[in-house]
Amino acid sequence: MRKLWLTLAALALVAWAANVRLYLKDGTYHMVREYQVQADRVRYYSVERSDWEEIPLDLVDLKRTESEAAERQAAVDKEAKASGEEAAAEKAARAEVSRIPQDPGVYWVEDKTTKILKAGEVSVHTNKGRMVLQKMVGPFLNGKGTLELNGSHSLNVFSDPEQEFYIQLSEPEGFGIVKLTTKGGVRIVENLTYNPVVKDLVEEERTMVDILRREMAEGLYKIWPQEKLEPGEYAVVEFTDGKVNIQVFDFAIKGK
């Protein structure tokens, strides 16, 4: 629909620019399709009467006529350029989308080759000592835990601090990029706090990175960091808050 609207608008602008106001020195004008200066006369095709007519040159304000005609042509050229650029951008976007598989997951493109960023295996680690203490003192102390990835370093290493990713969602969920914390040979994705009163209610605390995102198609988003990432461990995540239902696609940014 938008493409049709732009096409119609462009055609309307061309039609508008095709007609020219042939100004007279008394301030009036004739609406003409075209005109020709022939010696001491101006021959023009009248839009109103659909026929060729002539008028003495000394009655015509040729400077004003030519100036407005030039402005109209410039407007047509500008619109044509904008329409061409938008059409090229839409074509490039369609080609970009076609490179990404429709299967849910995270992808990136390297040298025009699409690669998949595999989900890492995560586990929940609880502070057993704190959990025991909770049982001793009753429901006044929340349980603590962490969601962790094994290993202190990701095998997916990128040198571009503004690395772009594509995430294909299976259903509407939260997503983004988180900065991981390395501790004791593991990478912590988020800290967990279990509510002692409401069963299955968990508060999740993660360090989200500010990102820019663009919806390329339904359920498909292109994401990249708003600022350059510092060297370190990160992950693209897809999650449902409060459910500890999170998929983690880990990667690292290496320093120069």
Protein backbone atom coordinates (compact mmCIF):
# COMPACT_ATOMS: atom_id res chain seq x y z
CA MET A 1 0.00 0.00 0.00
CA ARG A 2 2.81 2.42 0.91
CA LYS A 3 4.60 1.62 -2.35
CA LEU A 4 1.40 2.30 -4.34
CA TRP A 5 0.91 5.59 -2.49
CA LEU A 6 4.45 6.70 -3.27
CA THR A 7 4.01 5.78 -6.94
CA LEU A 8 0.76 7.75 -7.19
CA ALA A 9 2.33 10.72 -5.42
CA ALA A 10 5.28 10.67 -7.80
CA LEU A 11 2.97 10.51 -10.82
CA ALA A 12 0.92 13.39 -9.45
CA LEU A 13 4.06 15.46 -8.97
CA VAL A 14 5.22 14.73 -12.52
CA ALA A 15 1.80 15.71 -13.86
CA TRP A 16 1.90 18.91 -11.79
CA ALA A 17 5.35 19.79 -13.09
CA ALA A 18 4.36 19.01 -16.69
CA ASN A 19 2.15 22.10 -16.75
CA VAL A 20 3.82 25.49 -16.72
CA ARG A 21 2.55 28.91 -15.78
CA LEU A 22 3.36 31.30 -18.61
CA TYR A 23 3.41 34.60 -16.72
CA LEU A 24 2.48 37.88 -18.31
CA LYS A 25 3.89 41.21 -17.25
CA ASP A 26 0.50 42.31 -15.92
CA GLY A 27 0.69 39.55 -13.27
CA THR A 28 -1.72 37.11 -14.90
CA TYR A 29 -0.70 33.83 -16.47
CA HIS A 30 -1.72 31.11 -18.91
CA MET A 31 -1.46 27.46 -17.86
CA VAL A 32 0.48 25.79 -20.65
CA ARG A 33 1.89 22.35 -21.33
CA GLU A 34 4.92 23.80 -23.12
CA TYR A 35 6.03 26.97 -24.82
CA GLN A 36 8.58 28.11 -27.41
CA VAL A 37 10.18 31.52 -27.87
CA GLN A 38 10.13 32.31 -31.59
CA ALA A 39 11.69 35.66 -32.49
CA ASP A 40 9.33 38.32 -31.07
CA ARG A 41 6.55 35.90 -30.17
CA VAL A 42 5.91 33.06 -27.69
CA ARG A 43 4.12 30.00 -29.01
CA TYR A 44 2.47 27.84 -26.35
CA TYR A 45 0.08 24.92 -25.95
CA SER A 46 -2.87 26.05 -23.85
CA VAL A 47 -4.01 23.52 -21.24
CA GLU A 48 -7.36 25.29 -20.99
CA ARG A 49 -8.14 25.24 -24.73
CA SER A 50 -6.05 22.20 -25.75
CA ASP A 51 -4.58 24.04 -28.71
CA TRP A 52 -1.51 26.00 -29.80
CA GLU A 53 -1.63 29.77 -29.44
CA GLU A 54 0.75 32.72 -29.77
CA ILE A 55 1.39 35.92 -27.81
CA PRO A 56 3.85 38.81 -28.30
CA LEU A 57 7.09 38.27 -26.43
CA ASP A 58 7.07 41.75 -24.90
CA LEU A 59 3.89 40.83 -22.97
CA VAL A 60 5.48 37.76 -21.36
CA ASP A 61 7.38 37.80 -18.07
CA LEU A 62 9.88 35.24 -19.32
CA LYS A 63 12.24 35.49 -16.33
CA ARG A 64 9.51 34.63 -13.81
CA THR A 65 8.19 31.85 -16.06
CA GLU A 66 11.61 30.22 -16.43
CA SER A 67 12.40 30.60 -12.72
CA GLU A 68 9.21 28.82 -11.61
CA ALA A 69 9.63 26.12 -14.26
CA ALA A 70 13.15 25.46 -12.96
CA GLU A 71 11.88 25.23 -9.37
CA ARG A 72 9.20 22.75 -10.40
CA GLN A 73 11.69 20.62 -12.27
CA ALA A 74 14.01 20.64 -9.26
CA ALA A 75 11.13 19.41 -7.08
CA VAL A 76 10.42 16.60 -9.55
CA ASP A 77 14.09 15.60 -9.64
CA LYS A 78 14.30 15.62 -5.83
CA GLU A 79 11.18 13.46 -5.47
CA ALA A 80 12.39 11.07 -8.16
CA LYS A 81 15.73 10.70 -6.36
CA ALA A 82 14.04 10.10 -3.00
CA SER A 83 11.68 7.53 -4.52
CA GLY A 84 14.59 5.79 -6.21
CA GLU A 85 16.59 5.68 -2.99
CA GLU A 86 13.61 4.32 -1.04
CA ALA A 87 12.96 1.66 -3.66
CA ALA A 88 16.62 0.65 -3.54
CA ALA A 89 16.50 0.51 0.27
CA GLU A 90 13.37 -1.67 0.20
CA LYS A 91 15.00 -4.01 -2.30
CA ALA A 92 18.13 -4.26 -0.15
CA ALA A 93 15.98 -4.94 2.95
CA ARG A 94 14.13 -7.75 1.16
CA ALA A 95 17.43 -9.28 0.11
CA GLU A 96 18.70 -8.95 3.70
CA VAL A 97 15.62 -10.71 5.08
CA SER A 98 15.88 -13.50 2.52
CA ARG A 99 19.34 -14.40 3.87
CA ILE A 100 18.02 -15.11 7.38
CA PRO A 101 16.46 -18.55 8.05
CA GLN A 102 12.87 -18.57 9.30
CA ASP A 103 13.78 -20.97 12.10
CA PRO A 104 13.81 -19.27 15.54
CA GLY A 105 17.32 -18.38 16.66
CA VAL A 106 20.12 -15.81 16.46
CA TYR A 107 22.20 -15.24 13.33
CA TRP A 108 24.88 -12.99 11.96
CA VAL A 109 26.22 -12.38 8.47
CA GLU A 110 29.90 -12.55 7.61
CA ASP A 111 31.11 -11.98 4.05
CA LYS A 112 27.52 -12.42 2.78
CA THR A 113 27.34 -15.81 4.52
CA THR A 114 24.70 -16.30 7.20
CA LYS A 115 25.91 -18.04 10.34
CA ILE A 116 24.00 -19.26 13.36
CA LEU A 117 24.86 -18.28 16.92
CA LYS A 118 24.09 -21.39 18.93
CA ALA A 119 22.34 -21.22 22.27
CA GLY A 120 24.56 -21.98 25.25
CA GLU A 121 23.68 -24.36 28.06
CA VAL A 122 22.70 -22.53 31.22
CA SER A 123 22.21 -23.74 34.76
CA VAL A 124 20.83 -22.25 37.97
CA HIS A 125 23.19 -22.18 40.92
CA THR A 126 21.71 -21.46 44.35
CA ASN A 127 23.48 -20.45 47.50
CA LYS A 128 22.71 -23.57 49.52
CA GLY A 129 23.87 -21.96 52.74
CA ARG A 130 21.48 -19.09 52.26
CA MET A 131 18.65 -21.43 51.35
CA VAL A 132 19.20 -23.37 54.57
CA LEU A 133 19.24 -20.12 56.52
CA GLN A 134 15.93 -19.19 54.90
CA LYS A 135 14.34 -22.40 56.15
CA MET A 136 15.65 -21.69 59.62
CA VAL A 137 14.38 -18.14 59.97
CA GLY A 138 11.15 -18.53 58.02
CA PRO A 139 9.82 -16.62 55.00
CA PHE A 140 11.49 -13.29 55.80
CA LEU A 141 14.66 -13.93 53.82
CA ASN A 142 14.61 -14.35 50.07
CA GLY A 143 16.55 -17.14 48.39
CA LYS A 144 19.39 -16.16 46.09
CA GLY A 145 20.81 -17.74 42.98
CA THR A 146 22.54 -17.12 39.69
CA LEU A 147 21.91 -18.20 36.11
CA GLU A 148 25.27 -19.31 34.73
CA LEU A 149 27.06 -20.41 31.59
CA ASN A 150 29.89 -22.91 31.90
CA GLY A 151 33.35 -21.66 31.01
CA SER A 152 34.86 -18.25 31.51
CA HIS A 153 35.12 -17.45 27.78
CA SER A 154 32.81 -17.79 24.79
CA LEU A 155 33.95 -19.67 21.70
CA ASN A 156 32.13 -17.09 19.55
CA VAL A 157 34.57 -14.19 19.36
CA PHE A 158 33.98 -11.00 17.36
CA SER A 159 36.33 -8.11 16.72
CA ASP A 160 33.62 -5.63 15.73
CA PRO A 161 32.44 -3.74 18.86
CA GLU A 162 29.26 -2.83 16.97
CA GLN A 163 28.50 -6.39 15.88
CA GLU A 164 25.05 -6.81 14.34
CA PHE A 165 22.79 -9.79 14.99
CA TYR A 166 19.46 -11.02 13.70
CA ILE A 167 17.00 -12.65 16.10
CA GLN A 168 14.08 -14.68 14.79
CA LEU A 169 11.44 -15.07 17.50
CA SER A 170 9.10 -18.02 17.77
CA GLU A 171 6.64 -15.90 19.78
CA PRO A 172 6.53 -12.35 21.18
CA GLU A 173 9.12 -12.18 23.98
CA GLY A 174 11.69 -9.85 25.43
CA PHE A 175 15.14 -9.84 23.86
CA GLY A 176 18.36 -7.87 23.88
CA ILE A 177 22.06 -8.04 24.67
CA VAL A 178 23.40 -8.55 28.19
CA LYS A 179 26.88 -8.11 29.58
CA LEU A 180 28.03 -11.21 31.46
CA THR A 181 30.00 -11.28 34.67
CA THR A 182 32.85 -13.78 34.95
CA LYS A 183 33.34 -15.32 38.37
CA GLY A 184 34.96 -18.59 39.49
CA GLY A 185 35.38 -19.99 36.00
CA VAL A 186 31.75 -19.40 34.98
CA ARG A 187 29.86 -16.59 33.33
CA ILE A 188 26.88 -15.17 35.21
CA VAL A 189 23.97 -14.20 33.00
CA GLU A 190 21.72 -12.86 35.75
CA ASN A 191 21.18 -12.84 39.48
CA LEU A 192 18.03 -14.47 40.83
CA THR A 193 15.99 -13.68 43.92
CA TYR A 194 13.28 -16.15 44.90
CA ASN A 195 10.21 -14.74 46.61
CA PRO A 196 9.63 -16.63 49.89
CA VAL A 197 5.90 -15.92 49.91
CA VAL A 198 4.74 -16.22 46.29
CA LYS A 199 5.75 -19.57 44.85
CA ASP A 200 7.52 -19.53 41.47
CA LEU A 201 7.93 -15.74 41.59
CA VAL A 202 11.54 -14.90 40.78
CA GLU A 203 13.17 -11.50 40.41
CA GLU A 204 15.77 -11.50 37.65
CA GLU A 205 18.57 -8.94 37.58
CA ARG A 206 20.68 -8.71 34.46
CA THR A 207 22.96 -6.05 32.95
CA MET A 208 21.26 -5.07 29.72
CA VAL A 209 23.17 -3.26 26.98
CA ASP A 210 21.46 -0.34 25.25
CA ILE A 211 20.67 -1.51 21.75
CA LEU A 212 19.17 -0.27 18.52
CA ARG A 213 16.75 -2.55 16.76
CA ARG A 214 14.87 -2.73 13.50
CA GLU A 215 11.97 -5.03 12.69
CA MET A 216 12.86 -6.57 9.33
CA ALA A 217 9.80 -8.83 9.07
CA GLU A 218 7.20 -10.26 11.42
CA GLY A 219 9.14 -11.80 14.32
CA LEU A 220 12.54 -10.96 12.78
CA TYR A 221 14.65 -8.20 14.29
CA LYS A 222 18.07 -6.79 13.53
CA ILE A 223 19.85 -5.62 16.68
CA TRP A 224 23.16 -3.94 17.42
CA PRO A 225 24.65 -2.06 20.39
CA GLN A 226 23.92 1.64 20.68
CA GLU A 227 27.50 2.26 21.78
CA LYS A 228 30.64 0.29 20.97
CA LEU A 229 31.00 -2.71 23.24
CA GLU A 230 34.01 -2.90 25.51
CA PRO A 231 36.06 -6.11 25.27
CA GLY A 232 34.40 -8.80 27.35
CA GLU A 233 31.73 -11.49 27.54
CA TYR A 234 28.20 -10.87 26.27
CA ALA A 235 25.09 -12.70 25.10
CA VAL A 236 22.03 -12.14 22.99
CA VAL A 237 19.10 -13.24 25.15
CA GLU A 238 15.44 -14.07 24.62
CA PHE A 239 13.38 -14.17 27.80
CA THR A 240 10.11 -13.98 29.69
CA ASP A 241 10.57 -11.93 32.85
CA GLY A 242 9.86 -13.64 36.17
CA LYS A 243 9.86 -17.15 34.69
CA VAL A 244 13.61 -17.84 34.44
CA ASN A 245 12.70 -18.83 30.90
CA ILE A 246 15.68 -17.52 29.01
CA GLN A 247 17.70 -18.54 25.98
CA VAL A 248 21.31 -17.38 25.96
CA PHE A 249 23.39 -17.00 22.79
CA ASP A 250 26.84 -16.11 24.09
CA PHE A 251 29.64 -14.25 22.37
CA ALA A 252 32.73 -12.23 23.24
CA ILE A 253 34.23 -9.00 21.96
CA LYS A 254 38.00 -9.10 21.78
CA GLY A 255 40.25 -6.10 22.29
CA LYS A 256 42.60 -4.82 19.64
